[in-house]
Amino acid sequence: MVNRYGLIALLTAAVLLSACEGEKSVQEISSADSTAQISAADTASGKVLESESLNNIKIALKIDNGMKFRYRIREWSDDVQDSITVSTLATHVYTKIGQALRSDGAFQFSFRIDTVSIDMKVTNNSDKRILNETHFSSTDSANPTEPTRIIQMGPVGETVTVTIGSDGKIQEIGGVSLVFNKIAKKLPNAPASDQARMEAIRFLESALYGKFVGMEYLMFPQTNLDSTRSWTNSQLANLGPLFSAETTTAYKLVSVRIVKGRRIATVEADLAGTIRVNPPSPQVGVTAEILKNSIRGKSHAVIDLENGATIAKVNTISFSVTANVMDPMSRQKRTLTQSNDTRYEVELLPN
């Protein structure tokens, strides 16, 4: 069985990426708090702006120093690996606070995971027997030395720094090495070599923090919208030494309503992509051939046009891959088959 936190986690992270706290001024607090007082349900009663007024509109991220946002992300996932299915429900609550506007126009904010709960079930696909079932909550203090709990608790309460462009694209995630060190100190078999440590840190950056930021934000257009009120974004993400994922997302601004004095937009998106094999590398030692693959997804988002903040978002992503992997030394070939269906919901919480 392929490790659940291997290929599938990297695929999910790649697809989603294809997304000194100062004193708060009254204006900064008001901007964030005003957004947090609006829910997706409020948009139903908002006044719809006429189509003509939506032409040439600009959608961009604006994070001021001291702006605070709290989010809850729920993620449902079914990962089919040959003869078993791993079903997961994960809920994360996190807090982010604006820190600085860089000279290049990018924004920095602190990012802290507050609480985590994860329910996982492994089922035999043939007879539907439950082979394993686990439940984790960061508020439960049971089994503090259990390795899985150490890993899951590692990020809780720790702050990292995220740098993101006005288009919603992540530029840098800092401070993750401190989270890794916290985990490694408590694990009996933590990665020891420099290369293994760096790989583990990069994995945390992409499959955890990068994944959540990618879940939350849209990829905004570089220019003002034209009369079609649509735009696309293409991403090529490395999935490790063997594979890469190439995706294109088509966005459409469906409507804008005035809700509590703010312009609140509804955006729909469709994602399509493919997985491809990287060029052979002498450092890798194995070769791969993709037999078939697919990446598909849909998104419905409600955003505040005044600052680009997400109020609510629902995404569904499905992908599958079948590949032959060969060890050139032994000449043994293995066929890898995996598919995954994931749904996640992002909800802005009151401050």
Protein backbone atom coordinates (compact mmCIF):
# COMPACT_ATOMS: atom_id res chain seq x y z
CA MET A 1 0.00 0.00 0.00
CA VAL A 2 1.31 3.45 -0.88
CA ASN A 3 1.68 5.71 2.17
CA ARG A 4 -1.36 7.95 2.48
CA TYR A 5 0.85 10.95 3.22
CA GLY A 6 2.98 10.27 0.14
CA LEU A 7 1.70 10.68 -3.41
CA ILE A 8 -1.90 11.63 -2.60
CA ALA A 9 -0.90 14.32 -0.09
CA LEU A 10 1.57 15.79 -2.55
CA LEU A 11 -1.02 15.70 -5.33
CA THR A 12 -3.57 17.45 -3.12
CA ALA A 13 -1.07 20.08 -2.06
CA ALA A 14 0.03 20.69 -5.65
CA VAL A 15 -3.51 21.04 -6.95
CA LEU A 16 -4.48 23.44 -4.18
CA LEU A 17 -1.35 25.55 -4.59
CA SER A 18 -2.41 25.88 -8.25
CA ALA A 19 -3.20 28.36 -5.12
CA CYS A 20 6.17 41.43 14.17
CA GLU A 21 2.45 41.88 14.80
CA GLY A 22 1.95 45.65 15.13
CA GLU A 23 -0.55 47.94 16.77
CA LYS A 24 -3.96 47.83 15.13
CA SER A 25 -5.48 51.06 13.89
CA VAL A 26 -9.23 51.60 14.07
CA GLN A 27 -9.42 51.36 10.27
CA GLU A 28 -7.55 48.04 10.16
CA ILE A 29 -9.71 46.47 12.84
CA SER A 30 -12.85 47.71 11.11
CA SER A 31 -11.90 46.22 7.73
CA ALA A 32 -11.32 42.72 9.06
CA ASP A 33 -14.20 42.78 11.53
CA SER A 34 -16.64 44.04 8.89
CA THR A 35 -15.77 41.09 6.67
CA ALA A 36 -16.08 38.66 9.59
CA GLN A 37 -19.61 39.89 10.31
CA ILE A 38 -20.80 38.68 6.90
CA SER A 39 -21.76 35.08 6.18
CA ALA A 40 -22.52 33.35 2.89
CA ALA A 41 -26.20 33.27 3.86
CA ASP A 42 -26.27 37.07 4.07
CA THR A 43 -25.67 37.38 0.32
CA ALA A 44 -29.18 36.12 -0.48
CA SER A 45 -30.71 39.40 0.71
CA GLY A 46 -28.05 41.69 -0.74
CA LYS A 47 -28.75 44.10 -3.59
CA VAL A 48 -27.43 42.75 -6.91
CA LEU A 49 -25.22 45.13 -8.86
CA GLU A 50 -26.04 45.58 -12.53
CA SER A 51 -23.84 43.70 -14.99
CA GLU A 52 -22.52 46.90 -16.55
CA SER A 53 -21.03 48.01 -13.24
CA LEU A 54 -18.98 44.81 -13.02
CA ASN A 55 -16.93 45.48 -16.15
CA ASN A 56 -13.31 46.52 -15.57
CA ILE A 57 -13.59 45.49 -11.92
CA LYS A 58 -10.37 44.69 -10.02
CA ILE A 59 -10.07 41.67 -7.74
CA ALA A 60 -7.01 41.67 -5.50
CA LEU A 61 -5.86 40.75 -2.04
CA LYS A 62 -5.32 43.58 0.47
CA ILE A 63 -4.04 42.60 3.93
CA ASP A 64 -3.32 45.49 6.29
CA ASN A 65 -1.12 45.34 9.36
CA GLY A 66 -3.12 43.98 12.30
CA MET A 67 -6.07 42.61 10.29
CA LYS A 68 -7.18 39.37 11.96
CA PHE A 69 -9.11 36.50 10.40
CA ARG A 70 -10.19 33.15 11.85
CA TYR A 71 -11.17 30.26 9.59
CA ARG A 72 -12.51 26.75 9.90
CA ILE A 73 -11.73 24.23 7.15
CA ARG A 74 -13.52 20.89 6.95
CA GLU A 75 -12.10 18.32 4.55
CA TRP A 76 -13.71 15.04 3.51
CA SER A 77 -11.50 12.63 1.56
CA ASP A 78 -11.84 9.12 0.12
CA ASP A 79 -8.51 7.72 -1.02
CA VAL A 80 -8.76 4.43 -2.92
CA GLN A 81 -5.48 2.51 -2.91
CA ASP A 82 -5.73 -0.83 -4.71
CA SER A 83 -7.74 -3.05 -2.30
CA ILE A 84 -8.51 -0.51 0.45
CA THR A 85 -10.18 2.88 0.91
CA VAL A 86 -8.94 5.43 3.43
CA SER A 87 -11.76 7.81 4.44
CA THR A 88 -10.85 10.94 6.38
CA LEU A 89 -12.72 13.84 7.93
CA ALA A 90 -10.37 16.58 9.13
CA THR A 91 -11.33 19.89 10.75
CA HIS A 92 -8.81 22.67 11.33
CA VAL A 93 -9.35 26.10 12.89
CA TYR A 94 -6.62 28.67 12.33
CA THR A 95 -5.91 32.36 12.92
CA LYS A 96 -3.99 34.74 10.66
CA ILE A 97 -2.94 38.31 11.35
CA GLY A 98 -1.59 40.82 8.83
CA GLN A 99 1.99 41.86 9.51
CA ALA A 100 3.50 43.93 6.71
CA LEU A 101 3.22 45.14 3.12
CA ARG A 102 6.50 44.50 1.32
CA SER A 103 8.07 46.90 -1.15
CA ASP A 104 7.25 44.51 -4.01
CA GLY A 105 3.53 44.66 -3.17
CA ALA A 106 3.35 41.27 -1.46
CA PHE A 107 1.70 40.82 1.93
CA GLN A 108 2.92 39.00 5.01
CA PHE A 109 0.74 37.49 7.70
CA SER A 110 1.21 35.21 10.68
CA PHE A 111 -0.54 31.84 10.50
CA ARG A 112 -1.35 29.72 13.57
CA ILE A 113 -3.30 26.46 13.70
CA ASP A 114 -5.50 26.60 16.82
CA THR A 115 -7.34 23.26 16.89
CA VAL A 116 -7.34 20.01 14.90
CA SER A 117 -9.64 16.99 14.78
CA ILE A 118 -9.13 14.03 12.43
CA ASP A 119 -11.28 10.92 12.00
CA MET A 120 -9.86 8.21 9.73
CA LYS A 121 -11.26 4.86 8.68
CA VAL A 122 -9.62 2.16 6.55
CA THR A 123 -12.04 -0.16 4.74
CA ASN A 124 -11.48 -3.34 2.72
CA ASN A 125 -12.97 -2.70 -0.72
CA SER A 126 -13.99 -6.34 -1.26
CA ASP A 127 -16.04 -7.11 1.84
CA LYS A 128 -16.35 -3.58 3.31
CA ARG A 129 -14.74 -4.66 6.59
CA ILE A 130 -13.32 -1.83 8.69
CA LEU A 131 -9.63 -2.64 9.03
CA ASN A 132 -8.67 0.32 11.19
CA GLU A 133 -10.35 3.37 12.69
CA THR A 134 -8.72 6.27 14.51
CA HIS A 135 -9.95 9.49 16.10
CA PHE A 136 -7.77 12.45 17.03
CA SER A 137 -8.52 15.77 18.70
CA SER A 138 -6.00 18.38 19.76
CA THR A 139 -8.17 19.10 22.81
CA ASP A 140 -7.75 15.51 24.05
CA SER A 141 -4.62 14.92 26.13
CA ALA A 142 -4.65 11.10 25.85
CA ASN A 143 -1.55 9.20 24.58
CA PRO A 144 0.84 12.19 24.49
CA THR A 145 3.83 10.04 23.43
CA GLU A 146 2.09 8.20 20.57
CA PRO A 147 4.04 9.06 17.37
CA THR A 148 1.00 9.91 15.25
CA ARG A 149 -0.31 12.25 17.93
CA ILE A 150 3.10 13.93 18.22
CA ILE A 151 3.06 14.67 14.48
CA GLN A 152 -0.53 15.90 14.47
CA MET A 153 -0.01 18.09 17.55
CA GLY A 154 3.26 19.56 16.27
CA PRO A 155 1.78 22.52 14.34
CA VAL A 156 -0.90 23.34 16.93
CA GLY A 157 -0.26 26.68 18.61
CA GLU A 158 2.89 27.38 16.56
CA THR A 159 3.12 30.47 14.35
CA VAL A 160 4.63 30.59 10.87
CA THR A 161 4.88 33.51 8.44
CA VAL A 162 3.27 33.43 5.00
CA THR A 163 4.15 35.83 2.19
CA ILE A 164 1.52 36.08 -0.53
CA GLY A 165 1.05 38.26 -3.60
CA SER A 166 -1.99 40.42 -4.29
CA ASP A 167 -3.01 37.73 -6.80
CA GLY A 168 -3.30 35.12 -4.00
CA LYS A 169 -0.15 33.22 -5.00
CA ILE A 170 2.06 32.00 -2.16
CA GLN A 171 5.61 33.33 -2.41
CA GLU A 172 7.19 32.07 0.80
CA ILE A 173 6.38 30.23 4.03
CA GLY A 174 8.80 30.86 6.89
CA GLY A 175 9.29 29.37 10.33
CA VAL A 176 8.30 25.82 9.44
CA SER A 177 11.67 24.47 10.58
CA LEU A 178 10.71 25.40 14.16
CA VAL A 179 7.55 23.29 13.84
CA PHE A 180 9.59 20.39 12.48
CA ASN A 181 12.11 20.69 15.33
CA LYS A 182 9.29 20.56 17.86
CA ILE A 183 8.07 17.31 16.31
CA ALA A 184 11.53 15.79 15.81
CA LYS A 185 12.54 16.27 19.45
CA LYS A 186 9.71 13.99 20.56
CA LEU A 187 9.86 11.34 17.84
CA PRO A 188 12.05 8.27 18.42
CA ASN A 189 12.89 7.88 14.72
CA ALA A 190 12.89 11.44 13.42
CA PRO A 191 14.72 12.19 10.12
CA ALA A 192 18.41 12.56 10.98
CA SER A 193 20.24 13.54 7.79
CA ASP A 194 20.17 17.11 6.50
CA GLN A 195 18.51 16.00 3.27
CA ALA A 196 15.77 14.06 5.10
CA ARG A 197 15.13 17.03 7.39
CA MET A 198 14.83 19.44 4.47
CA GLU A 199 12.45 17.09 2.65
CA ALA A 200 10.29 16.83 5.79
CA ILE A 201 10.23 20.63 6.20
CA ARG A 202 9.30 21.15 2.54
CA PHE A 203 6.55 18.58 2.92
CA LEU A 204 5.12 20.47 5.93
CA GLU A 205 5.29 23.71 3.94
CA SER A 206 3.36 22.34 0.96
CA ALA A 207 1.09 19.61 2.32
CA LEU A 208 0.04 21.50 5.45
CA TYR A 209 0.45 25.29 5.42
CA GLY A 210 0.51 25.74 1.65
CA LYS A 211 -2.48 23.45 1.35
CA PHE A 212 -4.59 25.49 3.80
CA VAL A 213 -3.71 28.82 2.22
CA GLY A 214 -4.47 27.31 -1.19
CA MET A 215 -7.81 26.09 0.10
CA GLU A 216 -8.72 29.54 1.38
CA TYR A 217 -7.74 31.84 -1.47
CA LEU A 218 -8.64 32.12 -5.11
CA MET A 219 -5.94 32.85 -7.66
CA PHE A 220 -6.86 36.41 -8.64
CA PRO A 221 -6.36 37.86 -12.14
CA GLN A 222 -3.36 40.08 -12.86
CA THR A 223 -5.48 42.71 -14.64
CA ASN A 224 -8.94 44.21 -14.35
CA LEU A 225 -11.77 41.99 -15.57
CA ASP A 226 -13.14 42.51 -19.05
CA SER A 227 -16.76 42.13 -20.16
CA THR A 228 -16.56 38.32 -19.85
CA ARG A 229 -15.74 38.68 -16.12
CA SER A 230 -13.65 35.52 -16.38
CA TRP A 231 -9.98 34.55 -16.12
CA THR A 232 -7.76 31.47 -16.04
CA ASN A 233 -4.75 30.36 -14.05
CA SER A 234 -2.34 27.57 -14.97
CA GLN A 235 0.07 25.86 -12.58
CA LEU A 236 2.86 23.31 -12.94
CA ALA A 237 3.75 21.73 -9.59
CA ASN A 238 6.44 19.19 -8.86
CA LEU A 239 5.15 16.10 -7.02
CA GLY A 240 8.56 14.76 -6.14
CA PRO A 241 11.27 13.07 -8.19
CA LEU A 242 8.92 11.13 -10.50
CA PHE A 243 5.79 13.16 -11.23
CA SER A 244 4.48 16.67 -11.88
CA ALA A 245 0.92 17.99 -12.01
CA GLU A 246 -0.20 20.51 -14.62
CA THR A 247 -3.56 22.19 -13.94
CA THR A 248 -5.66 24.99 -15.37
CA THR A 249 -8.48 26.66 -13.46
CA ALA A 250 -11.14 28.73 -15.23
CA TYR A 251 -12.79 31.36 -12.98
CA LYS A 252 -16.03 33.26 -13.53
CA LEU A 253 -17.36 36.21 -11.53
CA VAL A 254 -21.04 35.28 -11.33
CA SER A 255 -22.49 38.16 -9.33
CA VAL A 256 -21.76 40.99 -6.91
CA ARG A 257 -24.14 42.06 -4.15
CA ILE A 258 -24.06 44.89 -1.64
CA VAL A 259 -24.15 43.27 1.80
CA LYS A 260 -23.85 45.42 4.93
CA GLY A 261 -22.28 48.16 2.83
CA ARG A 262 -19.61 45.91 1.25
CA ARG A 263 -19.29 44.45 -2.26
CA ILE A 264 -19.56 40.68 -1.90
CA ALA A 265 -18.81 38.56 -4.97
CA THR A 266 -19.71 35.01 -5.94
CA VAL A 267 -17.08 33.24 -8.06
CA GLU A 268 -17.40 29.84 -9.73
CA ALA A 269 -14.42 27.82 -11.01
CA ASP A 270 -13.65 24.65 -12.95
CA LEU A 271 -10.30 22.87 -12.72
CA ALA A 272 -8.79 20.35 -15.12
CA GLY A 273 -5.34 18.88 -15.24
CA THR A 274 -3.01 16.02 -15.92
CA ILE A 275 -0.15 14.21 -14.20
CA ARG A 276 3.04 13.68 -16.14
CA VAL A 277 6.39 11.97 -15.63
CA ASN A 278 9.47 14.08 -14.94
CA PRO A 279 12.55 13.59 -17.19
CA PRO A 280 14.76 10.72 -15.98
CA SER A 281 17.31 11.66 -13.34
CA PRO A 282 20.39 9.63 -12.32
CA GLN A 283 19.71 10.55 -8.68
CA VAL A 284 16.25 8.96 -8.67
CA GLY A 285 17.12 5.37 -9.52
CA VAL A 286 13.61 4.40 -10.69
CA THR A 287 11.63 5.21 -13.80
CA ALA A 288 7.91 5.58 -14.28
CA GLU A 289 5.35 5.37 -17.03
CA ILE A 290 1.86 6.83 -16.58
CA LEU A 291 -0.83 4.60 -18.07
CA LYS A 292 -3.79 6.87 -17.34
CA ASN A 293 -4.58 9.85 -15.14
CA SER A 294 -7.17 12.55 -14.53
CA ILE A 295 -7.59 15.69 -12.42
CA ARG A 296 -10.97 17.44 -12.16
CA GLY A 297 -12.43 19.97 -9.75
CA LYS A 298 -15.13 22.59 -9.08
CA SER A 299 -15.28 25.55 -6.74
CA HIS A 300 -17.90 27.96 -5.39
CA ALA A 301 -16.55 30.93 -3.45
CA VAL A 302 -17.96 34.02 -1.74
CA ILE A 303 -15.38 36.79 -1.34
CA ASP A 304 -15.21 40.37 -0.07
CA LEU A 305 -14.09 42.58 -2.96
CA GLU A 306 -12.96 45.30 -0.57
CA ASN A 307 -9.99 43.22 0.65
CA GLY A 308 -10.09 39.92 -1.28
CA ALA A 309 -10.91 37.92 1.87
CA THR A 310 -12.76 34.63 1.50
CA ILE A 311 -16.06 34.47 3.37
CA ALA A 312 -17.00 30.95 2.30
CA LYS A 313 -15.72 28.44 -0.22
CA VAL A 314 -16.64 24.90 -1.28
CA ASN A 315 -14.30 22.86 -3.46
CA THR A 316 -14.47 19.34 -4.87
CA ILE A 317 -11.38 17.72 -6.40
CA SER A 318 -11.08 14.26 -7.94
CA PHE A 319 -7.98 12.71 -9.41
CA SER A 320 -6.66 9.30 -10.31
CA VAL A 321 -3.39 7.88 -11.57
CA THR A 322 -2.23 4.47 -12.78
CA ALA A 323 1.49 4.15 -13.42
CA ASN A 324 4.18 1.53 -13.89
CA VAL A 325 7.23 2.11 -11.70
CA MET A 326 10.44 0.18 -12.48
CA ASP A 327 13.64 -0.29 -10.50
CA PRO A 328 16.44 -0.35 -13.13
CA MET A 329 18.70 -2.48 -10.92
CA SER A 330 16.29 -5.35 -10.25
CA ARG A 331 14.23 -4.74 -13.41
CA GLN A 332 11.13 -5.29 -11.30
CA LYS A 333 8.04 -3.43 -12.41
CA ARG A 334 5.18 -2.45 -10.11
CA THR A 335 1.84 -0.97 -11.12
CA LEU A 336 0.63 1.84 -8.87
CA THR A 337 -3.08 2.71 -8.86
CA GLN A 338 -4.64 5.42 -6.72
CA SER A 339 -7.69 7.65 -6.87
CA ASN A 340 -8.96 10.32 -4.55
CA ASP A 341 -12.15 12.33 -4.07
CA THR A 342 -11.88 15.35 -1.78
CA ARG A 343 -14.41 17.97 -0.71
CA TYR A 344 -13.55 20.86 1.54
CA GLU A 345 -15.47 23.76 3.00
CA VAL A 346 -13.87 27.02 4.12
CA GLU A 347 -15.79 29.21 6.58
CA LEU A 348 -14.79 32.63 7.95
CA LEU A 349 -15.48 32.75 11.69
CA PRO A 350 -16.34 35.82 13.79
CA ASN A 351 -13.30 37.36 15.52
